[in-house]
Amino acid sequence: DLYAEAAGLRVMRIVTISESGNYSPSPMPMARMQEAKMADAVSTPMAGGEVGYSTTVNVVFELGQ
């Protein structure tokens, strides 16, 4: 709205919204089964931490008077 008002216009509606980002696909079920078998056999300690994720959102607006 800020940029539209600066141009003497107003936002009429959103035309499109698209999103893109980097992500990892879900593991295959077979890999999960193998992990479950391994988890039963040995306990593996997990260290705490952070996971980063980034995304880009593009929005196209229709402007009018």
PDB file of N, CA and C in Angstrom:
ATOM      1  N   ASP A   1       0.814  -1.193   0.000  1.00  0.00           N
ATOM      2  CA  ASP A   1       0.000   0.000   0.000  1.00  0.00           C
ATOM      3  C   ASP A   1       0.864   1.265   0.000  1.00  0.00           C
ATOM      4  N   LEU A   2       1.984   1.222   0.688  1.00  0.00           N
ATOM      5  CA  LEU A   2       2.851   2.396   0.786  1.00  0.00           C
ATOM      6  C   LEU A   2       3.324   2.849  -0.592  1.00  0.00           C
ATOM      7  N   TYR A   3       3.810   1.926  -1.406  1.00  0.00           N
ATOM      8  CA  TYR A   3       4.308   2.274  -2.737  1.00  0.00           C
ATOM      9  C   TYR A   3       3.174   2.671  -3.675  1.00  0.00           C
ATOM     10  N   ALA A   4       2.052   2.007  -3.562  1.00  0.00           N
ATOM     11  CA  ALA A   4       0.906   2.360  -4.401  1.00  0.00           C
ATOM     12  C   ALA A   4       0.451   3.781  -4.087  1.00  0.00           C
ATOM     13  N   GLU A   5       0.349   4.119  -2.804  1.00  0.00           N
ATOM     14  CA  GLU A   5      -0.060   5.472  -2.414  1.00  0.00           C
ATOM     15  C   GLU A   5       0.938   6.511  -2.889  1.00  0.00           C
ATOM     16  N   ALA A   6       2.224   6.196  -2.837  1.00  0.00           N
ATOM     17  CA  ALA A   6       3.251   7.128  -3.304  1.00  0.00           C
ATOM     18  C   ALA A   6       3.103   7.414  -4.793  1.00  0.00           C
ATOM     19  N   ALA A   7       2.563   6.458  -5.542  1.00  0.00           N
ATOM     20  CA  ALA A   7       2.343   6.629  -6.979  1.00  0.00           C
ATOM     21  C   ALA A   7       0.955   7.182  -7.272  1.00  0.00           C
ATOM     22  N   GLY A   8       0.199   7.502  -6.230  1.00  0.00           N
ATOM     23  CA  GLY A   8      -1.149   8.021  -6.430  1.00  0.00           C
ATOM     24  C   GLY A   8      -2.154   6.940  -6.791  1.00  0.00           C
ATOM     25  N   LEU A   9      -1.855   5.700  -6.450  1.00  0.00           N
ATOM     26  CA  LEU A   9      -2.729   4.576  -6.775  1.00  0.00           C
ATOM     27  C   LEU A   9      -3.113   3.843  -5.498  1.00  0.00           C
ATOM     28  N   ARG A  10      -3.933   2.805  -5.655  1.00  0.00           N
ATOM     29  CA  ARG A  10      -4.251   1.937  -4.523  1.00  0.00           C
ATOM     30  C   ARG A  10      -4.271   0.495  -5.002  1.00  0.00           C
ATOM     31  N   VAL A  11      -4.043  -0.408  -4.081  1.00  0.00           N
ATOM     32  CA  VAL A  11      -4.043  -1.838  -4.400  1.00  0.00           C
ATOM     33  C   VAL A  11      -5.485  -2.286  -4.557  1.00  0.00           C
ATOM     34  N   MET A  12      -5.801  -2.841  -5.732  1.00  0.00           N
ATOM     35  CA  MET A  12      -7.153  -3.314  -6.010  1.00  0.00           C
ATOM     36  C   MET A  12      -7.332  -4.766  -5.552  1.00  0.00           C
ATOM     37  N   ARG A  13      -6.353  -5.625  -5.928  1.00  0.00           N
ATOM     38  CA  ARG A  13      -6.442  -7.041  -5.573  1.00  0.00           C
ATOM     39  C   ARG A  13      -5.090  -7.701  -5.790  1.00  0.00           C
ATOM     40  N   ILE A  14      -4.947  -8.892  -5.235  1.00  0.00           N
ATOM     41  CA  ILE A  14      -3.770  -9.720  -5.482  1.00  0.00           C
ATOM     42  C   ILE A  14      -4.047 -10.551  -6.731  1.00  0.00           C
ATOM     43  N   VAL A  15      -3.126 -10.502  -7.683  1.00  0.00           N
ATOM     44  CA  VAL A  15      -3.278 -11.254  -8.930  1.00  0.00           C
ATOM     45  C   VAL A  15      -2.686 -12.657  -8.775  1.00  0.00           C
ATOM     46  N   THR A  16      -1.449 -12.738  -8.318  1.00  0.00           N
ATOM     47  CA  THR A  16      -0.805 -14.041  -8.110  1.00  0.00           C
ATOM     48  C   THR A  16       0.102 -13.992  -6.887  1.00  0.00           C
ATOM     49  N   ILE A  17       0.288 -15.153  -6.287  1.00  0.00           N
ATOM     50  CA  ILE A  17       1.257 -15.333  -5.210  1.00  0.00           C
ATOM     51  C   ILE A  17       2.038 -16.592  -5.542  1.00  0.00           C
ATOM     52  N   SER A  18       3.367 -16.497  -5.525  1.00  0.00           N
ATOM     53  CA  SER A  18       4.196 -17.680  -5.755  1.00  0.00           C
ATOM     54  C   SER A  18       5.297 -17.719  -4.705  1.00  0.00           C
ATOM     55  N   GLU A  19       5.718 -18.917  -4.391  1.00  0.00           N
ATOM     56  CA  GLU A  19       6.721 -19.115  -3.346  1.00  0.00           C
ATOM     57  C   GLU A  19       7.784 -20.067  -3.855  1.00  0.00           C
ATOM     58  N   SER A  20       9.021 -19.791  -3.511  1.00  0.00           N
ATOM     59  CA  SER A  20      10.104 -20.711  -3.833  1.00  0.00           C
ATOM     60  C   SER A  20      11.097 -20.682  -2.682  1.00  0.00           C
ATOM     61  N   GLY A  21      11.729 -21.799  -2.458  1.00  0.00           N
ATOM     62  CA  GLY A  21      12.707 -21.885  -1.380  1.00  0.00           C
ATOM     63  C   GLY A  21      13.502 -23.152  -1.515  1.00  0.00           C
ATOM     64  N   ASN A  22      14.519 -23.263  -0.669  1.00  0.00           N
ATOM     65  CA  ASN A  22      15.302 -24.493  -0.700  1.00  0.00           C
ATOM     66  C   ASN A  22      14.809 -25.399   0.411  1.00  0.00           C
ATOM     67  N   TYR A  23      14.532 -26.615   0.067  1.00  0.00           N
ATOM     68  CA  TYR A  23      14.005 -27.578   1.030  1.00  0.00           C
ATOM     69  C   TYR A  23      14.518 -28.955   0.665  1.00  0.00           C
ATOM     70  N   SER A  24      14.442 -29.847   1.601  1.00  0.00           N
ATOM     71  CA  SER A  24      14.842 -31.233   1.362  1.00  0.00           C
ATOM     72  C   SER A  24      13.587 -32.071   1.167  1.00  0.00           C
ATOM     73  N   PRO A  25      13.571 -32.916   0.170  1.00  0.00           N
ATOM     74  CA  PRO A  25      12.401 -33.786  -0.009  1.00  0.00           C
ATOM     75  C   PRO A  25      12.279 -34.765   1.154  1.00  0.00           C
ATOM     76  N   SER A  26      11.096 -35.283   1.368  1.00  0.00           N
ATOM     77  CA  SER A  26      10.854 -36.250   2.440  1.00  0.00           C
ATOM     78  C   SER A  26      11.652 -37.522   2.193  1.00  0.00           C
ATOM     79  N   PRO A  27      12.113 -38.162   3.271  1.00  0.00           N
ATOM     80  CA  PRO A  27      12.844 -39.421   3.098  1.00  0.00           C
ATOM     81  C   PRO A  27      11.954 -40.506   2.505  1.00  0.00           C
ATOM     82  N   MET A  28      12.578 -41.434   1.845  1.00  0.00           N
ATOM     83  CA  MET A  28      11.854 -42.563   1.273  1.00  0.00           C
ATOM     84  C   MET A  28      11.388 -43.476   2.409  1.00  0.00           C
ATOM     85  N   PRO A  29      10.217 -44.117   2.277  1.00  0.00           N
ATOM     86  CA  PRO A  29       9.730 -45.026   3.324  1.00  0.00           C
ATOM     87  C   PRO A  29      10.722 -46.129   3.671  1.00  0.00           C
ATOM     88  N   MET A  30      11.450 -46.647   2.684  1.00  0.00           N
ATOM     89  CA  MET A  30      12.409 -47.714   2.944  1.00  0.00           C
ATOM     90  C   MET A  30      13.500 -47.218   3.891  1.00  0.00           C
ATOM     91  N   ALA A  31      13.938 -45.985   3.697  1.00  0.00           N
ATOM     92  CA  ALA A  31      14.959 -45.422   4.575  1.00  0.00           C
ATOM     93  C   ALA A  31      14.423 -45.289   5.994  1.00  0.00           C
ATOM     94  N   ARG A  32      13.170 -44.929   6.140  1.00  0.00           N
ATOM     95  CA  ARG A  32      12.561 -44.822   7.467  1.00  0.00           C
ATOM     96  C   ARG A  32      12.532 -46.181   8.163  1.00  0.00           C
ATOM     97  N   MET A  33      12.222 -47.227   7.410  1.00  0.00           N
ATOM     98  CA  MET A  33      12.179 -48.569   7.997  1.00  0.00           C
ATOM     99  C   MET A  33      13.566 -48.960   8.491  1.00  0.00           C
ATOM    100  N   GLN A  34      14.583 -48.656   7.702  1.00  0.00           N
ATOM    101  CA  GLN A  34      15.956 -48.976   8.091  1.00  0.00           C
ATOM    102  C   GLN A  34      16.334 -48.195   9.344  1.00  0.00           C
ATOM    103  N   GLU A  35      15.955 -46.914   9.398  1.00  0.00           N
ATOM    104  CA  GLU A  35      16.240 -46.096  10.578  1.00  0.00           C
ATOM    105  C   GLU A  35      15.567 -46.680  11.816  1.00  0.00           C
ATOM    106  N   ALA A  36      14.343 -47.154  11.675  1.00  0.00           N
ATOM    107  CA  ALA A  36      13.619 -47.734  12.808  1.00  0.00           C
ATOM    108  C   ALA A  36      14.333 -48.980  13.318  1.00  0.00           C
ATOM    109  N   LYS A  37      14.828 -49.812  12.409  1.00  0.00           N
ATOM    110  CA  LYS A  37      15.568 -51.007  12.817  1.00  0.00           C
ATOM    111  C   LYS A  37      16.830 -50.622  13.570  1.00  0.00           C
ATOM    112  N   MET A  38      17.538 -49.613  13.061  1.00  0.00           N
ATOM    113  CA  MET A  38      18.766 -49.164  13.701  1.00  0.00           C
ATOM    114  C   MET A  38      18.469 -48.538  15.062  1.00  0.00           C
ATOM    115  N   ALA A  39      17.370 -47.816  15.185  1.00  0.00           N
ATOM    116  CA  ALA A  39      17.007 -47.177  16.444  1.00  0.00           C
ATOM    117  C   ALA A  39      16.726 -48.214  17.516  1.00  0.00           C
ATOM    118  N   ASP A  40      16.159 -49.341  17.118  1.00  0.00           N
ATOM    119  CA  ASP A  40      15.897 -50.414  18.076  1.00  0.00           C
ATOM    120  C   ASP A  40      17.204 -51.026  18.578  1.00  0.00           C
ATOM    121  N   ALA A  41      18.214 -51.076  17.717  1.00  0.00           N
ATOM    122  CA  ALA A  41      19.470 -51.727  18.059  1.00  0.00           C
ATOM    123  C   ALA A  41      20.388 -50.827  18.887  1.00  0.00           C
ATOM    124  N   VAL A  42      20.500 -49.553  18.528  1.00  0.00           N
ATOM    125  CA  VAL A  42      21.455 -48.650  19.171  1.00  0.00           C
ATOM    126  C   VAL A  42      20.814 -47.282  19.366  1.00  0.00           C
ATOM    127  N   SER A  43      21.054 -46.693  20.522  1.00  0.00           N
ATOM    128  CA  SER A  43      20.575 -45.336  20.778  1.00  0.00           C
ATOM    129  C   SER A  43      21.643 -44.348  20.326  1.00  0.00           C
ATOM    130  N   THR A  44      21.270 -43.390  19.490  1.00  0.00           N
ATOM    131  CA  THR A  44      22.200 -42.394  18.981  1.00  0.00           C
ATOM    132  C   THR A  44      21.871 -41.044  19.588  1.00  0.00           C
ATOM    133  N   PRO A  45      22.829 -40.414  20.288  1.00  0.00           N
ATOM    134  CA  PRO A  45      22.552 -39.093  20.854  1.00  0.00           C
ATOM    135  C   PRO A  45      22.433 -38.048  19.746  1.00  0.00           C
ATOM    136  N   MET A  46      21.535 -37.103  19.941  1.00  0.00           N
ATOM    137  CA  MET A  46      21.323 -36.028  18.975  1.00  0.00           C
ATOM    138  C   MET A  46      21.721 -34.710  19.627  1.00  0.00           C
ATOM    139  N   ALA A  47      22.509 -33.924  18.943  1.00  0.00           N
ATOM    140  CA  ALA A  47      22.908 -32.616  19.452  1.00  0.00           C
ATOM    141  C   ALA A  47      21.876 -31.576  19.045  1.00  0.00           C
ATOM    142  N   GLY A  48      21.576 -30.651  19.948  1.00  0.00           N
ATOM    143  CA  GLY A  48      20.653 -29.562  19.630  1.00  0.00           C
ATOM    144  C   GLY A  48      21.309 -28.576  18.682  1.00  0.00           C
ATOM    145  N   GLY A  49      20.521 -27.771  18.046  1.00  0.00           N
ATOM    146  CA  GLY A  49      21.064 -26.777  17.131  1.00  0.00           C
ATOM    147  C   GLY A  49      19.963 -26.057  16.391  1.00  0.00           C
ATOM    148  N   GLU A  50      20.355 -25.394  15.342  1.00  0.00           N
ATOM    149  CA  GLU A  50      19.412 -24.633  14.530  1.00  0.00           C
ATOM    150  C   GLU A  50      19.418 -25.155  13.103  1.00  0.00           C
ATOM    151  N   VAL A  51      18.285 -25.046  12.464  1.00  0.00           N
ATOM    152  CA  VAL A  51      18.155 -25.395  11.058  1.00  0.00           C
ATOM    153  C   VAL A  51      17.726 -24.135  10.328  1.00  0.00           C
ATOM    154  N   GLY A  52      18.471 -23.752   9.314  1.00  0.00           N
ATOM    155  CA  GLY A  52      18.128 -22.558   8.551  1.00  0.00           C
ATOM    156  C   GLY A  52      17.240 -22.892   7.373  1.00  0.00           C
ATOM    157  N   TYR A  53      16.365 -21.973   7.042  1.00  0.00           N
ATOM    158  CA  TYR A  53      15.458 -22.150   5.913  1.00  0.00           C
ATOM    159  C   TYR A  53      15.215 -20.783   5.310  1.00  0.00           C
ATOM    160  N   SER A  54      15.244 -20.695   4.010  1.00  0.00           N
ATOM    161  CA  SER A  54      14.944 -19.417   3.362  1.00  0.00           C
ATOM    162  C   SER A  54      13.916 -19.647   2.263  1.00  0.00           C
ATOM    163  N   THR A  55      13.138 -18.624   2.015  1.00  0.00           N
ATOM    164  CA  THR A  55      12.118 -18.710   0.978  1.00  0.00           C
ATOM    165  C   THR A  55      11.936 -17.338   0.355  1.00  0.00           C
ATOM    166  N   THR A  56      11.399 -17.316  -0.828  1.00  0.00           N
ATOM    167  CA  THR A  56      11.079 -16.072  -1.520  1.00  0.00           C
ATOM    168  C   THR A  56       9.600 -16.107  -1.863  1.00  0.00           C
ATOM    169  N   VAL A  57       8.904 -15.038  -1.540  1.00  0.00           N
ATOM    170  CA  VAL A  57       7.485 -14.930  -1.869  1.00  0.00           C
ATOM    171  C   VAL A  57       7.322 -13.765  -2.837  1.00  0.00           C
ATOM    172  N   ASN A  58       6.737 -14.038  -3.994  1.00  0.00           N
ATOM    173  CA  ASN A  58       6.457 -13.008  -4.996  1.00  0.00           C
ATOM    174  C   ASN A  58       4.954 -12.788  -5.067  1.00  0.00           C
ATOM    175  N   VAL A  59       4.549 -11.532  -4.962  1.00  0.00           N
ATOM    176  CA  VAL A  59       3.134 -11.185  -5.021  1.00  0.00           C
ATOM    177  C   VAL A  59       2.951 -10.139  -6.115  1.00  0.00           C
ATOM    178  N   VAL A  60       2.007 -10.380  -7.019  1.00  0.00           N
ATOM    179  CA  VAL A  60       1.669  -9.418  -8.075  1.00  0.00           C
ATOM    180  C   VAL A  60       0.323  -8.805  -7.714  1.00  0.00           C
ATOM    181  N   PHE A  61       0.305  -7.479  -7.627  1.00  0.00           N
ATOM    182  CA  PHE A  61      -0.906  -6.746  -7.271  1.00  0.00           C
ATOM    183  C   PHE A  61      -1.470  -6.026  -8.483  1.00  0.00           C
ATOM    184  N   GLU A  62      -2.775  -5.895  -8.534  1.00  0.00           N
ATOM    185  CA  GLU A  62      -3.425  -5.035  -9.522  1.00  0.00           C
ATOM    186  C   GLU A  62      -3.604  -3.674  -8.856  1.00  0.00           C
ATOM    187  N   LEU A  63      -3.110  -2.627  -9.514  1.00  0.00           N
ATOM    188  CA  LEU A  63      -3.232  -1.269  -8.992  1.00  0.00           C
ATOM    189  C   LEU A  63      -4.292  -0.508  -9.768  1.00  0.00           C
ATOM    190  N   GLY A  64      -4.939   0.425  -9.113  1.00  0.00           N
ATOM    191  CA  GLY A  64      -5.968   1.228  -9.777  1.00  0.00           C
ATOM    192  C   GLY A  64      -6.098   2.584  -9.128  1.00  0.00           C
ATOM    193  N   GLN A  65      -6.988   3.386  -9.666  1.00  0.00           N
ATOM    194  CA  GLN A  65      -7.204   4.746  -9.145  1.00  0.00           C
ATOM    195  C   GLN A  65      -7.982   4.744  -7.910  1.00  0.00           C
TER     196      GLN A  65
END
